Protein backbone atom coordinates (compact mmCIF):
# COMPACT_ATOMS: atom_id res chain seq x y z
CA MET A 1 49.29 -65.25 -101.26
CA LYS A 2 52.09 -67.57 -100.33
CA ASN A 3 55.29 -66.73 -98.50
CA TYR A 4 57.83 -64.79 -100.54
CA PHE A 5 60.91 -65.67 -98.57
CA LYS A 6 61.74 -69.35 -98.48
CA TYR A 7 64.51 -71.24 -96.80
CA MET A 8 65.47 -72.48 -100.24
CA ALA A 9 66.85 -69.04 -101.06
CA ILE A 10 69.32 -69.19 -98.19
CA LEU A 11 70.40 -72.66 -99.22
CA ALA A 12 71.04 -71.83 -102.86
CA LEU A 13 74.80 -72.05 -102.44
CA GLY A 14 74.62 -75.64 -101.25
CA ILE A 15 74.76 -77.51 -97.98
CA VAL A 16 77.83 -77.97 -95.85
CA SER A 17 78.99 -81.51 -95.49
CA CYS A 18 77.56 -83.26 -92.48
CA GLU A 19 80.61 -85.51 -92.38
CA PRO A 20 83.67 -84.44 -90.38
CA GLU A 21 86.51 -82.87 -92.32
CA LEU A 22 89.58 -84.76 -91.19
CA GLU A 23 92.90 -83.11 -90.55
CA ASN A 24 96.17 -84.21 -89.06
CA SER A 25 96.17 -84.23 -85.28
CA ILE A 26 97.94 -81.25 -83.79
CA GLU A 27 98.64 -83.31 -80.70
CA ASP A 28 101.09 -85.79 -82.20
CA GLY A 29 104.56 -85.37 -80.84
CA ASP A 30 103.79 -82.29 -78.75
CA PHE A 31 104.57 -81.79 -75.07
CA TYR A 32 101.83 -80.51 -72.82
CA THR A 33 101.80 -78.97 -69.36
CA ARG A 34 99.14 -77.51 -67.10
CA GLY A 35 101.32 -74.58 -66.10
CA GLU A 36 99.93 -72.74 -63.08
CA ALA A 37 96.38 -74.04 -63.57
CA ASP A 38 94.85 -77.07 -61.89
CA PHE A 39 92.32 -78.82 -64.12
CA SER A 40 91.75 -81.81 -61.84
CA ASN A 41 88.15 -80.77 -61.10
CA TYR A 42 86.75 -78.56 -63.83
CA VAL A 43 83.24 -77.11 -63.45
CA ALA A 44 81.47 -75.08 -66.16
CA LEU A 45 78.68 -72.61 -65.34
CA GLY A 46 76.44 -70.94 -67.87
CA ASN A 47 73.33 -71.24 -69.96
CA SER A 48 72.44 -73.12 -73.15
CA LEU A 49 75.75 -72.22 -74.81
CA THR A 50 77.55 -74.07 -72.03
CA SER A 51 75.20 -77.06 -71.99
CA GLY A 52 75.75 -77.96 -75.65
CA TYR A 53 72.26 -76.91 -76.68
CA ALA A 54 71.86 -76.81 -80.48
CA ASP A 55 69.21 -76.98 -83.18
CA GLY A 56 66.56 -75.63 -80.84
CA ALA A 57 66.89 -78.41 -78.24
CA LEU A 58 69.13 -80.19 -75.77
CA TYR A 59 69.98 -83.60 -77.15
CA LEU A 60 72.57 -86.27 -76.45
CA SER A 61 75.14 -85.78 -79.20
CA GLY A 62 74.95 -82.00 -78.73
CA GLN A 63 75.85 -82.37 -75.05
CA GLN A 64 78.65 -84.77 -75.88
CA ASN A 65 80.15 -82.06 -78.10
CA SER A 66 79.64 -79.12 -75.74
CA PHE A 67 82.62 -76.81 -75.39
CA PRO A 68 83.13 -77.84 -71.71
CA SER A 69 83.26 -81.49 -72.78
CA ILE A 70 85.85 -80.61 -75.43
CA LEU A 71 87.86 -78.67 -72.83
CA ALA A 72 87.71 -81.51 -70.30
CA GLU A 73 89.09 -83.91 -72.87
CA LYS A 74 92.00 -81.57 -73.62
CA PHE A 75 92.66 -80.95 -69.91
CA SER A 76 93.10 -84.70 -69.43
CA ALA A 77 96.07 -84.51 -71.81
CA VAL A 78 98.04 -82.29 -69.42
CA GLN A 79 97.20 -83.83 -66.04
CA GLU A 80 95.18 -86.53 -64.38
CA THR A 81 91.60 -85.29 -64.02
CA GLY A 82 88.42 -86.63 -62.53
CA GLU A 83 85.57 -87.76 -64.74
CA PHE A 84 83.79 -84.80 -66.36
CA ILE A 85 80.12 -85.52 -65.70
CA GLN A 86 77.37 -83.93 -67.75
CA PRO A 87 73.63 -84.31 -67.04
CA LEU A 88 73.12 -86.20 -70.28
CA VAL A 89 69.63 -86.61 -71.68
CA ASN A 90 68.52 -90.02 -72.87
CA ASP A 91 68.28 -89.54 -76.61
CA ASN A 92 68.84 -87.43 -79.71
CA ALA A 93 65.18 -86.47 -80.13
CA GLY A 94 65.63 -83.38 -77.99
CA GLY A 95 62.39 -82.96 -76.07
CA LEU A 96 61.79 -83.10 -72.32
CA LEU A 97 58.90 -84.82 -70.54
CA LEU A 98 57.20 -83.90 -67.29
CA GLY A 99 54.86 -86.53 -65.91
CA GLY A 100 55.03 -88.21 -69.30
CA ASN A 101 53.87 -85.10 -71.17
CA GLN A 102 56.26 -83.39 -73.60
CA ILE A 103 57.08 -79.85 -72.43
CA THR A 104 59.88 -78.83 -74.83
CA GLN A 105 60.13 -79.33 -78.58
CA ASN A 106 62.26 -81.80 -80.49
CA ARG A 107 65.41 -80.67 -82.27
CA PHE A 108 65.64 -79.28 -85.80
CA VAL A 109 67.12 -81.35 -88.60
CA LEU A 110 67.70 -80.41 -92.24
CA ALA A 111 65.07 -82.05 -94.42
CA VAL A 112 64.65 -81.93 -98.19
CA GLY A 113 61.12 -81.14 -99.29
CA ALA A 114 59.31 -79.95 -102.40
CA ASN A 115 60.93 -76.51 -102.13
CA GLY A 116 64.40 -77.83 -101.34
CA PRO A 117 66.19 -78.30 -98.03
CA SER A 118 64.94 -76.50 -94.94
CA PRO A 119 64.99 -76.96 -91.15
CA ALA A 120 62.17 -79.01 -89.66
CA ARG A 121 61.39 -80.54 -86.28
CA TYR A 122 62.62 -84.12 -85.98
CA THR A 123 59.87 -86.71 -85.54
CA GLY A 124 61.88 -89.90 -86.04
CA ALA A 125 61.81 -90.74 -82.34
CA GLN A 126 59.90 -89.74 -79.26
CA PRO A 127 61.76 -87.99 -76.42
CA THR A 128 62.35 -90.16 -73.37
CA THR A 129 63.96 -87.76 -70.88
CA GLU A 130 61.67 -87.28 -67.87
CA VAL A 131 62.45 -84.18 -65.82
CA SER A 132 61.25 -85.73 -62.56
CA ASN A 133 63.75 -88.58 -62.91
CA LYS A 134 66.65 -86.80 -61.25
CA PHE A 135 70.08 -87.18 -62.80
CA ALA A 136 72.38 -88.38 -60.03
CA GLY A 137 74.85 -85.61 -59.30
CA PRO A 138 77.04 -83.83 -58.80
CA VAL A 139 77.66 -82.72 -62.39
CA ASN A 140 80.55 -80.76 -63.85
CA ASN A 141 78.63 -79.13 -66.68
CA MET A 142 76.28 -76.71 -64.95
CA GLY A 143 75.02 -75.16 -68.18
CA VAL A 144 71.29 -74.42 -67.82
CA PRO A 145 69.41 -73.56 -71.04
CA GLY A 146 67.29 -70.45 -70.59
CA ALA A 147 69.14 -69.18 -67.53
CA LYS A 148 69.86 -65.48 -67.09
CA SER A 149 72.54 -64.11 -64.78
CA TYR A 150 70.26 -63.78 -61.78
CA HIS A 151 68.87 -67.29 -62.23
CA LEU A 152 72.19 -68.85 -61.18
CA LEU A 153 71.63 -67.35 -57.73
CA ALA A 154 67.90 -67.98 -57.48
CA GLU A 155 66.55 -70.48 -54.98
CA ASN A 156 63.94 -72.98 -56.21
CA TYR A 157 65.10 -72.50 -59.80
CA GLY A 158 65.72 -76.25 -59.90
CA SER A 159 62.43 -77.30 -58.31
CA VAL A 160 60.62 -80.09 -60.13
CA ALA A 161 57.37 -78.95 -58.54
CA GLY A 162 58.05 -75.43 -59.79
CA VAL A 163 58.45 -76.52 -63.42
CA ALA A 164 54.74 -77.16 -63.88
CA ALA A 165 53.96 -73.83 -62.23
CA GLY A 166 56.35 -72.00 -64.55
CA THR A 167 58.60 -70.81 -61.71
CA ALA A 168 61.50 -73.22 -62.23
CA ASN A 169 63.76 -74.40 -65.03
CA PRO A 170 63.21 -77.98 -66.26
CA TYR A 171 66.85 -78.40 -67.32
CA PHE A 172 68.19 -77.49 -63.89
CA ALA A 173 65.39 -79.39 -62.15
CA ARG A 174 66.78 -82.57 -63.69
CA PHE A 175 70.08 -82.33 -61.81
CA SER A 176 69.73 -79.85 -58.93
CA SER A 177 70.87 -81.27 -55.61
CA SER A 178 67.63 -80.19 -53.93
CA GLU A 179 64.44 -78.33 -54.70
CA SER A 180 65.82 -75.09 -53.22
CA ALA A 181 69.50 -75.29 -54.26
CA THR A 182 70.93 -72.62 -56.55
CA VAL A 183 73.15 -73.30 -59.53
CA LEU A 184 76.04 -71.47 -57.89
CA GLN A 185 75.62 -73.40 -54.64
CA ASP A 186 75.74 -76.74 -56.46
CA ALA A 187 78.81 -75.62 -58.38
CA LEU A 188 80.69 -74.44 -55.28
CA ALA A 189 79.79 -77.63 -53.41
CA GLN A 190 81.99 -79.53 -55.86
CA GLU A 191 85.05 -77.49 -54.81
CA PRO A 192 86.20 -76.87 -58.38
CA THR A 193 89.88 -76.29 -59.09
CA PHE A 194 89.11 -74.66 -62.44
CA PHE A 195 85.97 -73.12 -63.89
CA THR A 196 84.52 -71.35 -66.89
CA LEU A 197 81.67 -68.86 -66.59
CA TRP A 198 79.66 -67.86 -69.67
CA ILE A 199 76.42 -66.26 -68.55
CA GLY A 200 74.50 -63.16 -69.59
CA ASN A 201 73.56 -63.94 -73.19
CA ASN A 202 69.93 -64.48 -72.25
CA ASP A 203 69.86 -61.20 -70.31
CA VAL A 204 69.65 -59.50 -73.72
CA LEU A 205 68.93 -62.36 -76.12
CA SER A 206 65.35 -63.07 -75.07
CA TYR A 207 64.53 -59.40 -75.65
CA ALA A 208 66.12 -59.54 -79.10
CA THR A 209 64.64 -62.85 -80.27
CA SER A 210 61.19 -61.63 -79.26
CA GLY A 211 61.65 -58.62 -81.54
CA GLY A 212 62.07 -56.26 -78.61
CA SER A 213 58.73 -57.14 -77.04
CA GLY A 214 60.12 -56.75 -73.51
CA GLU A 215 61.46 -53.73 -71.64
CA TYR A 216 64.96 -52.46 -70.89
CA GLN A 217 64.86 -52.55 -67.09
CA LEU A 218 67.36 -49.73 -66.68
CA ASN A 219 67.53 -48.58 -63.04
CA ASN A 220 65.21 -51.36 -61.90
CA PHE A 221 67.31 -53.26 -59.39
CA ASP A 222 64.82 -56.04 -58.54
CA PRO A 223 65.01 -58.92 -61.05
CA ARG A 224 61.99 -60.51 -59.39
CA THR A 225 59.88 -57.91 -61.18
CA TYR A 226 61.39 -58.53 -64.63
CA GLY A 227 59.41 -60.03 -67.47
CA GLU A 228 60.63 -63.02 -69.46
CA ASN A 229 61.80 -60.87 -72.39
CA ASP A 230 63.20 -57.93 -70.44
CA ILE A 231 66.81 -56.72 -70.55
CA THR A 232 68.59 -56.94 -67.21
CA ASP A 233 69.78 -53.68 -65.67
CA PRO A 234 73.58 -53.46 -66.17
CA THR A 235 74.20 -52.54 -62.52
CA VAL A 236 72.28 -55.62 -61.38
CA PHE A 237 74.16 -57.75 -63.87
CA ALA A 238 77.57 -56.47 -62.76
CA MET A 239 76.78 -56.95 -59.08
CA LEU A 240 75.53 -60.52 -59.49
CA TYR A 241 78.26 -61.47 -61.94
CA ARG A 242 80.93 -60.18 -59.58
CA GLN A 243 79.40 -62.16 -56.72
CA MET A 244 79.51 -65.38 -58.76
CA ALA A 245 82.99 -64.87 -60.20
CA GLU A 246 84.54 -63.97 -56.84
CA ALA A 247 82.92 -66.95 -55.11
CA LEU A 248 84.26 -69.30 -57.77
CA ALA A 249 87.70 -67.67 -57.89
CA GLN A 250 88.21 -67.93 -54.14
CA ASN A 251 89.71 -71.41 -54.51
CA ALA A 252 89.98 -71.91 -58.27
CA ASP A 253 91.41 -70.48 -61.46
CA GLY A 254 89.14 -69.87 -64.38
CA VAL A 255 88.09 -68.08 -67.55
CA LEU A 256 85.24 -65.61 -68.01
CA VAL A 257 83.58 -65.37 -71.42
CA ASN A 258 81.81 -62.20 -72.53
CA ILE A 259 78.54 -61.62 -74.35
CA PRO A 260 78.26 -61.70 -78.16
CA ASN A 261 76.43 -59.04 -80.11
CA VAL A 262 73.14 -60.61 -81.17
CA ALA A 263 73.31 -58.85 -84.52
CA SER A 264 76.17 -61.16 -85.49
CA VAL A 265 74.18 -64.42 -85.32
CA PRO A 266 72.14 -65.84 -88.22
CA TYR A 267 68.86 -65.60 -86.31
CA PHE A 268 69.07 -61.88 -87.09
CA THR A 269 71.11 -61.79 -90.30
CA THR A 270 69.44 -64.39 -92.54
CA VAL A 271 66.11 -62.85 -93.54
CA PRO A 272 66.66 -59.75 -95.72
CA PHE A 273 64.74 -56.56 -94.99
CA ALA A 274 63.63 -56.49 -98.65
CA PRO A 275 62.50 -60.03 -99.57
CA LEU A 276 59.50 -59.13 -101.74
CA ASN A 277 60.51 -60.14 -105.26
CA PRO A 278 58.57 -58.68 -108.22
CA ALA A 279 59.38 -61.89 -110.13
CA ASP A 280 57.30 -63.89 -107.66
CA GLU A 281 54.24 -65.16 -109.50
CA ASP A 282 51.89 -64.20 -106.67
CA PHE A 283 53.40 -60.92 -105.56
CA GLY A 284 54.55 -59.38 -108.86
CA PRO A 285 51.14 -59.04 -110.57
CA GLN A 286 49.70 -57.41 -107.44
CA ILE A 287 52.22 -54.54 -107.34
CA PRO A 288 50.16 -52.03 -109.44
CA THR A 289 47.06 -52.65 -107.31
CA LEU A 290 49.05 -52.42 -104.08
CA ASN A 291 50.68 -49.13 -105.09
CA ALA A 292 47.32 -47.70 -106.13
CA THR A 293 45.84 -48.74 -102.77
CA PHE A 294 48.65 -47.07 -100.84
CA ALA A 295 48.65 -43.88 -102.98
CA PRO A 296 46.08 -41.97 -100.87
CA LEU A 297 47.83 -43.12 -97.70
CA ASN A 298 51.13 -41.83 -99.05
CA GLN A 299 49.54 -38.48 -99.83
CA ALA A 300 48.24 -38.34 -96.27
CA PHE A 301 51.69 -39.21 -94.88
CA ALA A 302 53.19 -36.37 -96.92
CA PHE A 303 50.51 -33.95 -95.73
CA LEU A 304 51.24 -34.91 -92.10
CA GLY A 305 54.97 -34.31 -92.60
CA VAL A 306 56.07 -37.97 -92.46
CA PRO A 307 56.72 -38.87 -96.11
CA GLU A 308 59.28 -41.44 -94.92
CA ARG A 309 56.34 -43.64 -93.90
CA SER A 310 55.14 -43.94 -97.50
CA VAL A 311 54.74 -47.44 -98.93
CA ASN A 312 55.93 -48.23 -102.45
CA PHE A 313 56.60 -51.60 -104.04
CA ALA A 314 59.14 -51.68 -106.88
CA THR A 315 58.59 -53.51 -110.16
CA ASP A 316 62.30 -53.81 -110.95
CA ALA A 317 63.85 -54.69 -107.55
CA ALA A 318 63.06 -56.46 -104.31
CA SER A 319 60.95 -54.38 -101.94
CA PRO A 320 61.13 -54.02 -98.14
CA VAL A 321 58.40 -55.49 -95.99
CA LEU A 322 55.92 -53.30 -94.18
CA ILE A 323 56.52 -53.27 -90.40
CA LYS A 324 55.01 -51.79 -87.27
CA ASP A 325 57.51 -49.57 -85.47
CA GLU A 326 56.37 -48.83 -81.92
CA SER A 327 59.04 -46.14 -81.57
CA LEU A 328 57.14 -44.01 -84.11
CA THR A 329 54.58 -41.47 -82.98
CA ASP A 330 51.14 -43.01 -83.35
CA ILE A 331 49.32 -40.81 -85.88
CA SER A 332 46.24 -43.03 -86.24
CA THR A 333 43.78 -40.27 -85.38
CA GLN A 334 45.41 -37.62 -87.57
CA LEU A 335 45.78 -40.09 -90.45
CA THR A 336 42.10 -40.98 -90.23
CA GLU A 337 41.08 -37.32 -90.33
CA VAL A 338 43.27 -36.53 -93.33
CA LEU A 339 41.97 -39.55 -95.24
CA ILE A 340 38.38 -38.52 -94.56
CA GLY A 341 39.23 -35.01 -95.75
CA GLY A 342 40.63 -36.56 -98.91
CA GLY A 343 37.32 -38.22 -99.73
CA ILE A 344 37.69 -41.69 -98.24
CA ASP A 345 34.62 -42.93 -96.38
CA PRO A 346 34.92 -42.71 -92.58
CA ALA A 347 34.81 -46.48 -91.97
CA THR A 348 37.66 -47.20 -94.39
CA ALA A 349 39.63 -44.18 -93.24
CA THR A 350 39.33 -45.27 -89.61
CA LEU A 351 40.50 -48.79 -90.47
CA TYR A 352 43.47 -47.44 -92.45
CA GLY A 353 44.32 -45.02 -89.68
CA MET A 354 44.38 -47.79 -87.10
CA GLN A 355 46.37 -50.19 -89.29
CA TYR A 356 49.01 -47.78 -90.55
CA GLY A 357 49.34 -45.24 -87.75
CA GLN A 358 52.74 -46.65 -86.68
CA SER A 359 53.84 -48.38 -89.86
CA ARG A 360 56.69 -47.95 -92.33
CA GLN A 361 58.68 -50.07 -94.71
CA ALA A 362 61.75 -51.75 -93.27
CA THR A 363 65.23 -50.39 -93.89
CA ALA A 364 68.66 -52.00 -93.93
CA GLU A 365 69.01 -51.02 -90.25
CA ASP A 366 66.11 -53.28 -89.23
CA LEU A 367 66.70 -56.94 -88.41
CA LEU A 368 64.00 -59.45 -89.28
CA VAL A 369 64.19 -62.51 -87.04
CA LEU A 370 64.57 -65.97 -88.53
CA THR A 371 61.00 -67.00 -87.72
CA SER A 372 59.67 -64.19 -89.92
CA ALA A 373 60.73 -66.24 -92.95
CA GLY A 374 57.68 -68.44 -92.57
CA VAL A 375 55.33 -65.50 -92.03
CA ILE A 376 56.15 -62.92 -94.69
CA GLY A 377 53.56 -62.98 -97.44
CA SER A 378 51.16 -65.24 -95.56
CA VAL A 379 47.67 -64.17 -94.51
CA ASN A 380 47.36 -63.26 -90.84
CA GLN A 381 44.24 -65.19 -89.92
CA GLN A 382 43.83 -63.46 -86.58
CA ARG A 383 43.77 -60.10 -88.34
CA VAL A 384 41.27 -61.46 -90.87
CA GLN A 385 38.86 -62.34 -88.08
CA GLU A 386 39.34 -58.92 -86.47
CA LEU A 387 38.52 -57.18 -89.75
CA ILE A 388 35.48 -59.38 -90.35
CA GLY A 389 34.35 -58.38 -86.88
CA LEU A 390 34.63 -54.76 -87.99
CA GLY A 391 32.27 -55.45 -90.90
CA LEU A 392 34.57 -56.35 -93.79
CA ASP A 393 33.83 -59.26 -96.09
CA GLN A 394 36.15 -62.29 -96.12
CA GLN A 395 37.95 -61.35 -99.36
CA THR A 396 38.64 -57.74 -98.41
CA ALA A 397 39.74 -58.77 -94.92
CA GLY A 398 42.20 -61.26 -96.45
CA GLN A 399 43.59 -58.66 -98.86
CA LEU A 400 44.32 -56.30 -95.96
CA SER A 401 45.93 -59.01 -93.80
CA VAL A 402 48.97 -60.13 -95.80
CA ASN A 403 51.93 -60.06 -93.42
CA GLY A 404 54.59 -57.58 -94.46
CA VAL A 405 52.63 -56.48 -97.54
CA THR A 406 49.29 -54.99 -96.51
CA TYR A 407 49.50 -55.79 -92.80
CA PRO A 408 52.56 -54.48 -90.92
CA MET A 409 54.85 -57.19 -89.54
CA GLU A 410 54.19 -57.43 -85.82
CA ASP A 411 56.71 -56.47 -83.15
CA GLN A 412 57.95 -60.00 -82.42
CA PHE A 413 59.26 -60.40 -85.96
CA VAL A 414 61.40 -57.25 -86.23
CA LEU A 415 64.22 -55.83 -84.14
CA THR A 416 64.24 -52.17 -85.11
CA ASP A 417 67.25 -49.89 -85.02
CA SER A 418 66.12 -48.29 -81.76
CA GLU A 419 65.58 -51.69 -80.15
CA GLN A 420 69.02 -52.77 -81.29
CA GLY A 421 70.35 -49.71 -79.50
CA PHE A 422 69.02 -51.02 -76.18
CA VAL A 423 70.60 -54.42 -76.82
CA GLU A 424 73.93 -52.90 -77.79
CA SER A 425 73.95 -50.56 -74.79
CA ALA A 426 73.31 -53.39 -72.33
CA THR A 427 75.76 -55.77 -74.03
CA THR A 428 78.52 -53.16 -73.95
CA ALA A 429 77.91 -52.50 -70.26
CA TYR A 430 77.88 -56.22 -69.44
CA ASN A 431 81.14 -56.80 -71.29
CA ILE A 432 82.89 -53.90 -69.59
CA ALA A 433 81.89 -55.39 -66.24
CA ILE A 434 83.04 -58.91 -67.19
CA SER A 435 86.40 -57.60 -68.39
CA GLN A 436 86.96 -55.61 -65.20
CA ILE A 437 85.95 -58.52 -62.98
CA ALA A 438 88.35 -60.83 -64.84
CA GLU A 439 91.21 -58.37 -64.43
CA THR A 440 90.48 -57.71 -60.76
CA ASN A 441 90.43 -61.42 -59.93
CA GLY A 442 93.33 -62.48 -62.14
CA LEU A 443 91.11 -64.64 -64.33
CA GLY A 444 91.28 -65.38 -68.03
CA TYR A 445 88.98 -63.42 -70.33
CA VAL A 446 87.67 -64.53 -73.73
CA ASP A 447 86.13 -61.97 -76.07
CA ALA A 448 83.36 -64.10 -77.60
CA ASN A 449 81.84 -60.91 -78.97
CA ALA A 450 84.87 -60.36 -81.20
CA LEU A 451 84.97 -64.05 -82.09
CA LEU A 452 81.38 -64.18 -83.30
CA ASN A 453 81.84 -60.90 -85.17
CA GLN A 454 84.76 -62.56 -86.93
CA LEU A 455 82.51 -65.47 -87.89
CA ASP A 456 80.09 -62.91 -89.34
CA ASN A 457 82.80 -61.05 -91.25
CA GLY A 458 84.74 -63.51 -93.35
CA GLY A 459 84.77 -66.47 -91.00
CA ILE A 460 87.51 -68.37 -89.17
CA SER A 461 89.92 -70.75 -90.88
CA PHE A 462 91.26 -74.02 -89.54
CA ASP A 463 93.39 -76.77 -91.02
CA GLY A 464 91.16 -78.30 -93.68
CA GLY A 465 88.51 -75.61 -93.99
CA SER A 466 86.75 -72.62 -92.51
CA VAL A 467 83.52 -71.73 -90.74
CA ASN A 468 81.34 -68.63 -90.82
CA SER A 469 77.95 -67.48 -89.60
CA ASP A 470 75.95 -68.12 -92.78
CA PHE A 471 72.78 -69.95 -91.86
CA VAL A 472 73.02 -73.71 -92.56
CA THR A 473 75.95 -73.45 -94.97
CA GLY A 474 78.46 -71.67 -92.73
CA GLY A 475 79.11 -74.59 -90.39
CA ALA A 476 79.35 -72.57 -87.17
CA PHE A 477 75.70 -72.18 -86.22
CA SER A 478 73.05 -74.81 -85.72
CA LEU A 479 69.59 -74.81 -87.27
CA ASP A 480 68.04 -72.54 -84.63
CA GLY A 481 70.26 -69.69 -85.83
CA VAL A 482 71.47 -68.83 -82.31
CA HIS A 483 73.35 -71.79 -80.87
CA LEU A 484 76.52 -73.27 -82.28
CA THR A 485 77.20 -76.57 -83.99
CA PRO A 486 79.79 -78.97 -82.51
CA ARG A 487 82.25 -77.36 -84.91
CA GLY A 488 81.28 -73.92 -83.62
CA TYR A 489 81.66 -75.07 -80.02
CA ALA A 490 85.13 -76.37 -80.90
CA ILE A 491 86.01 -72.84 -82.05
CA ILE A 492 84.90 -71.52 -78.64
CA ALA A 493 86.87 -74.23 -76.83
CA ASN A 494 90.02 -73.33 -78.75
CA ALA A 495 89.61 -69.65 -77.90
CA ILE A 496 89.35 -70.56 -74.23
CA ILE A 497 92.42 -72.79 -74.53
CA ASP A 498 94.37 -69.94 -76.11
CA GLU A 499 93.45 -67.74 -73.14
CA ILE A 500 94.32 -70.45 -70.62
CA ASN A 501 97.71 -70.96 -72.20
CA ALA A 502 98.39 -67.22 -72.19
CA THR A 503 97.09 -66.51 -68.67
CA TYR A 504 98.28 -69.56 -66.77
CA GLY A 505 101.44 -70.50 -68.67
CA SER A 506 99.82 -73.75 -69.75
CA ASN A 507 100.30 -75.74 -72.91
CA VAL A 508 96.89 -77.33 -73.41
CA PRO A 509 96.36 -78.91 -76.85
CA LYS A 510 93.67 -77.46 -79.05
CA ALA A 511 90.78 -79.28 -80.67
CA ASN A 512 90.77 -80.44 -84.28
CA VAL A 513 87.91 -78.23 -85.47
CA GLY A 514 87.41 -80.23 -88.66
CA SER A 515 86.72 -83.42 -86.74
CA TYR A 516 83.49 -81.99 -85.34
CA GLY A 517 80.22 -82.06 -87.28
CA THR A 518 77.82 -79.35 -88.33
CA VAL A 519 74.13 -79.84 -89.21
CA THR A 520 72.23 -83.12 -89.47
CA LEU A 521 70.29 -84.29 -92.52
CA SER A 522 67.13 -86.29 -91.85
CA GLN A 523 63.84 -87.03 -93.58
CA ASP A 524 62.24 -88.12 -90.30
CA VAL A 525 60.05 -85.03 -90.11
CA GLN A 526 56.37 -84.27 -90.35
């Protein structure tokens, strides 16, 4: 069986123009003033969203269109400022090297193949940015892709030696002032007069993008014990965030940016929960056989009092995928016993019990991650080998290993409703803390959560067009489905400028959103 959900389906409405949409400059003839703010030495702290990361990589033109770079350009219109230095990579390929070996992937581009346009990794050039070749600092853009809140205070996070050991961040290692310096220390050493702080996305995002495979570390106050995909305890987050904001605000004005709801980004909104189309030439003819196969299981589910776990594929509408939901009670043993009692041989009943003891079909409340698009309907080869090891023949093992159809989609591909609840709870707590810290310290506050929700619900207009969160075609999000395009980063920059003007009595000019690009077309792919 081949995949049922293809990128072509999400591109059916066409591709946004990759050329800038020009509009009249809003700067002509206006008078600008810095008000009470001093932009002479602007420093930006954050993670990938601050660095200009896009399309699944950090590459040169993305950095050049980061929202801090856009802000720095606009600040220079109201007062004389120092050079805004970013730790620019060498090329637009997007990968990083360590000792000559590539350690991060190249960027995505939009390529047109046999099934239409779809994102693919760029192979038109080799990456040339070596982590061990330190970028001469200091730098004004302290955005570190992958950083969580507590990483900005962690010693040795920028250690080149630690990168190979997996204890340090390669992006920060490129420009840290020393092996032991923290991001916050390097930022404060520059004595900024103005700052932006946008950190905390990864404190929930890595949990969400992994399909909830981590843990919500509620009431665990030691981040050193956290796993890569865990959600940071809100008390820990608030304490560390306050420490950073107060240290920065001691001698500088600034703006704090809150945390978006992950459910509003295309990584979680693009793949439908019911992508299995009866008109598909491979799936459609199999529906009667599939329903007959699941009939005894459905009877067993009803007998056990969980009829909602029944599996049925429609012949006249798209059907939901089958998923594993770890929040469900595992009824593998009971299911096996009922199936045996219903006349199914013990070996088959045991296999069915194990495979479907925590399964159900997805609902509209479940979010399938973007990477599931390339998995749904494909044969899970690892599961095939497991079943062969249990005594099944190759054909039967393959029939029982179709992802989302006969084999439940694994945890990393689905963010269930209960898992979303953990993300929402933490995000809400983080944002309450950020808002209170901004108010206490007299800092600006930008509600990026509301802004990205607006992109997801109708979009945002600008002179000459509009942007929304539709994958590829919406213009706001890059091809990784999480990070913004230059046009999306311009939207963020303008929101920050609005807040600066309101909080500090400034009159900073806003960016021409239409003059910034979106996604890149290229056939230089594998």
